[in-house]
Amino acid sequence: NASVCDDNGNLLFYTNGVYIANANHDTMQNGSGLNPGAFTNAWKEYGLPIFQGALIIPWPDSSHKYILFHETRTYIASINYNPIQLYYSVINMNLNGGLGVVTLKNVIVINDTLDIGLITGCRHGNGRDWWVLVHEYNSDVFYRILITPSGISQIDTQSVGGLITLYGGQSAFSPDGSLFATFDNVSKLRIYQFARC
């Protein structure tokens, strides 16, 4: 799941991977039908069991828009259930009396077999834009997504650190964004330097 609050700590909205809920704990307008597919349908009563499977970041230079990155799992015969798309959806909190409306939903950002979860991000060195990272399944490839005031402005890849055979786990940036780490019980702890600029 993922949630976001305003500057005073008041809940704005959250997601369980199946739908987006507003601050009243009702489904946000156009917030149902997140992450289409059989796996999501099987978990619709409980929410998706994916660690770091959703990430909400504020839209750069906007006080009312947010971008949600999210994924589900798809059955692949050779590897079981893995995400094969990274999606994004856009939420505008100025609409529906401040309860928000999902204005774009389930837009495919990446179409590739990805590790389960591990969606994480940090602010760009310019203090405005954002980086979002996801990892390709059973490889040494990270996808780097740059979000600017115009939206997703760059998607590229970098091979670094050797093969990772993740099957779930966690990833995080250090508070200053200079280090990025992943951990799981197969590849263990990996720490990388990260240039936010």
Protein backbone atom coordinates (compact mmCIF):
# COMPACT_ATOMS: atom_id res chain seq x y z
CA ASN A 1 0.00 0.00 0.00
CA ALA A 2 0.95 3.66 -0.16
CA SER A 3 -0.49 6.79 1.40
CA VAL A 4 0.12 10.54 1.33
CA CYS A 5 -0.68 13.37 3.72
CA ASP A 6 -0.64 17.16 3.46
CA ASP A 7 1.98 19.35 5.19
CA ASN A 8 -0.02 19.19 8.44
CA GLY A 9 -0.20 15.39 8.46
CA ASN A 10 -3.83 15.16 7.34
CA LEU A 11 -4.56 12.12 5.17
CA LEU A 12 -5.18 12.93 1.49
CA PHE A 13 -5.51 9.48 -0.09
CA TYR A 14 -4.12 5.97 -0.11
CA THR A 15 -4.12 2.78 -2.16
CA ASN A 16 -4.08 -0.95 -1.46
CA GLY A 17 -3.12 -1.71 -5.07
CA VAL A 18 -6.71 -2.54 -6.04
CA TYR A 19 -8.29 0.91 -5.66
CA ILE A 20 -7.44 4.44 -4.49
CA ALA A 21 -9.34 5.70 -1.43
CA ASN A 22 -9.90 9.33 -0.43
CA ALA A 23 -9.61 10.85 3.05
CA ASN A 24 -13.16 9.67 3.85
CA HIS A 25 -12.04 6.05 3.18
CA ASP A 26 -14.34 5.87 0.16
CA THR A 27 -13.14 4.89 -3.31
CA MET A 28 -11.85 8.05 -4.97
CA GLN A 29 -13.68 9.18 -8.10
CA ASN A 30 -12.27 7.01 -10.96
CA GLY A 31 -10.13 5.24 -8.34
CA SER A 32 -11.38 1.67 -8.86
CA GLY A 33 -9.89 -0.80 -11.33
CA LEU A 34 -6.26 -0.17 -10.46
CA ASN A 35 -3.70 -2.72 -11.74
CA PRO A 36 -5.92 -4.73 -14.10
CA GLY A 37 -5.43 -8.49 -14.24
CA ALA A 38 -6.21 -11.88 -12.75
CA PHE A 39 -3.83 -11.51 -9.78
CA THR A 40 -5.47 -8.23 -8.73
CA ASN A 41 -8.93 -9.79 -9.13
CA ALA A 42 -7.89 -12.68 -6.86
CA TRP A 43 -6.78 -10.23 -4.13
CA LYS A 44 -9.46 -7.55 -4.53
CA GLU A 45 -10.98 -8.27 -1.10
CA TYR A 46 -7.68 -7.84 0.76
CA GLY A 47 -5.41 -5.64 -1.36
CA LEU A 48 -2.29 -6.71 -3.21
CA PRO A 49 0.40 -8.55 -1.20
CA ILE A 50 3.34 -6.75 -2.82
CA PHE A 51 5.97 -5.01 -0.67
CA GLN A 52 6.78 -1.58 -2.14
CA GLY A 53 4.35 -2.24 -4.98
CA ALA A 54 3.07 1.35 -4.96
CA LEU A 55 4.77 4.74 -4.59
CA ILE A 56 3.12 8.17 -4.42
CA ILE A 57 5.15 11.29 -5.16
CA PRO A 58 4.07 14.92 -5.50
CA TRP A 59 3.97 16.23 -9.05
CA PRO A 60 6.91 18.66 -9.38
CA ASP A 61 5.87 22.34 -9.12
CA SER A 62 2.28 21.46 -8.23
CA SER A 63 0.53 21.81 -4.87
CA HIS A 64 -2.42 19.61 -5.83
CA LYS A 65 -1.28 16.85 -8.23
CA TYR A 66 0.31 13.51 -7.39
CA ILE A 67 1.66 10.64 -9.45
CA LEU A 68 1.21 7.06 -8.27
CA PHE A 69 3.49 4.33 -9.59
CA HIS A 70 2.07 0.83 -9.14
CA GLU A 71 2.21 -2.78 -10.31
CA THR A 72 0.51 -6.13 -10.06
CA ARG A 73 1.77 -9.64 -10.76
CA THR A 74 1.17 -11.79 -13.84
CA TYR A 75 1.65 -15.52 -14.16
CA ILE A 76 4.72 -16.40 -16.25
CA ALA A 77 5.27 -20.14 -16.64
CA SER A 78 9.06 -20.09 -16.28
CA ILE A 79 9.23 -17.83 -13.17
CA ASN A 80 5.83 -17.94 -11.45
CA TYR A 81 4.21 -14.53 -10.72
CA ASN A 82 6.13 -11.34 -11.50
CA PRO A 83 5.16 -7.84 -12.63
CA ILE A 84 5.39 -7.36 -16.37
CA GLN A 85 4.33 -3.70 -16.38
CA LEU A 86 4.98 -0.68 -14.25
CA TYR A 87 1.96 1.64 -14.37
CA TYR A 88 1.33 5.19 -13.32
CA SER A 89 -1.84 7.06 -12.40
CA VAL A 90 -2.36 10.79 -11.76
CA ILE A 91 -4.44 12.21 -8.91
CA ASN A 92 -5.71 15.82 -8.82
CA MET A 93 -6.69 16.90 -5.30
CA ASN A 94 -8.29 20.17 -6.49
CA LEU A 95 -11.23 18.21 -7.90
CA ASN A 96 -14.36 16.75 -6.26
CA GLY A 97 -14.41 19.27 -3.42
CA GLY A 98 -10.86 18.45 -2.33
CA LEU A 99 -11.42 14.69 -2.14
CA GLY A 100 -9.53 14.20 -5.40
CA VAL A 101 -10.12 12.56 -8.76
CA VAL A 102 -7.95 10.07 -10.63
CA THR A 103 -7.46 11.87 -13.96
CA LEU A 104 -5.19 9.26 -15.61
CA LYS A 105 -5.10 5.58 -14.67
CA ASN A 106 -3.08 2.46 -15.46
CA VAL A 107 -0.77 4.11 -17.98
CA ILE A 108 2.08 1.70 -18.81
CA VAL A 109 5.51 3.20 -18.09
CA ILE A 110 7.65 0.06 -18.48
CA ASN A 111 6.76 -3.16 -20.24
CA ASP A 112 9.33 -5.73 -19.04
CA THR A 113 9.58 -8.52 -16.47
CA LEU A 114 10.38 -6.74 -13.21
CA ASP A 115 11.28 -7.73 -9.68
CA ILE A 116 8.34 -7.85 -7.32
CA GLY A 117 7.88 -4.49 -5.62
CA LEU A 118 10.98 -2.45 -4.78
CA ILE A 119 9.46 0.71 -6.31
CA THR A 120 11.26 3.57 -4.63
CA GLY A 121 12.18 7.16 -5.32
CA CYS A 122 14.08 10.21 -4.16
CA ARG A 123 14.11 13.90 -4.95
CA HIS A 124 16.41 15.09 -7.71
CA GLY A 125 19.44 17.19 -6.75
CA ASN A 126 17.62 20.27 -8.07
CA GLY A 127 15.11 19.97 -5.20
CA ARG A 128 12.14 19.92 -7.56
CA ASP A 129 12.13 16.80 -9.76
CA TRP A 130 12.03 13.14 -8.71
CA TRP A 131 13.82 9.91 -9.57
CA VAL A 132 11.96 6.58 -9.39
CA LEU A 133 13.85 3.27 -9.56
CA VAL A 134 12.64 -0.25 -10.34
CA HIS A 135 14.69 -3.37 -11.03
CA GLU A 136 14.49 -5.79 -13.95
CA TYR A 137 13.94 -9.41 -12.93
CA ASN A 138 17.02 -11.66 -12.57
CA SER A 139 19.48 -9.12 -13.97
CA ASP A 140 21.78 -6.24 -13.05
CA VAL A 141 19.54 -3.64 -14.74
CA PHE A 142 17.84 -0.76 -12.94
CA TYR A 143 15.25 1.41 -14.66
CA ARG A 144 15.61 5.11 -13.81
CA ILE A 145 12.55 7.28 -14.35
CA LEU A 146 12.83 11.08 -14.14
CA ILE A 147 9.69 13.06 -13.26
CA THR A 148 9.66 16.81 -14.00
CA PRO A 149 6.83 19.40 -14.12
CA SER A 150 5.99 18.13 -17.64
CA GLY A 151 5.57 14.54 -16.35
CA ILE A 152 7.75 11.54 -17.08
CA SER A 153 10.55 13.12 -19.05
CA GLN A 154 13.15 10.34 -19.13
CA ILE A 155 13.30 6.57 -18.78
CA ASP A 156 16.65 4.86 -19.09
CA THR A 157 18.49 1.83 -17.75
CA GLN A 158 21.80 1.17 -16.06
CA SER A 159 23.56 -2.14 -15.51
CA VAL A 160 25.38 -1.98 -12.19
CA GLY A 161 26.41 -4.15 -9.25
CA GLY A 162 26.12 -7.64 -10.73
CA LEU A 163 23.21 -10.02 -11.07
CA ILE A 164 20.41 -9.72 -8.52
CA THR A 165 18.04 -12.66 -8.16
CA LEU A 166 15.44 -10.93 -6.03
CA TYR A 167 12.18 -12.50 -5.09
CA GLY A 168 10.67 -9.67 -3.11
CA GLY A 169 12.60 -7.61 -0.61
CA GLN A 170 13.04 -3.94 0.11
CA SER A 171 14.88 -0.96 -1.29
CA ALA A 172 15.55 2.49 0.10
CA PHE A 173 17.48 5.71 -0.38
CA SER A 174 19.52 7.33 2.35
CA PRO A 175 17.98 10.59 3.67
CA ASP A 176 20.29 12.72 1.51
CA GLY A 177 19.77 10.53 -1.58
CA SER A 178 23.47 9.80 -2.02
CA LEU A 179 23.10 6.06 -1.31
CA PHE A 180 20.62 3.48 -2.57
CA ALA A 181 20.25 0.01 -1.03
CA THR A 182 18.37 -3.20 -1.79
CA PHE A 183 17.99 -6.23 0.46
CA ASP A 184 16.49 -9.68 0.08
CA ASN A 185 17.28 -13.11 1.49
CA VAL A 186 18.94 -14.33 -1.74
CA SER A 187 21.19 -11.48 -2.87
CA LYS A 188 21.44 -9.99 0.66
CA LEU A 189 22.36 -6.32 1.10
CA ARG A 190 23.57 -4.23 -1.83
CA ILE A 191 24.56 -0.59 -1.34
CA TYR A 192 25.08 1.74 -4.32
CA GLN A 193 26.24 5.31 -4.68
CA PHE A 194 23.58 7.48 -6.33
CA ALA A 195 24.10 10.80 -8.13
CA ARG A 196 20.85 12.74 -7.71
CA CYS A 197 21.79 15.24 -10.41
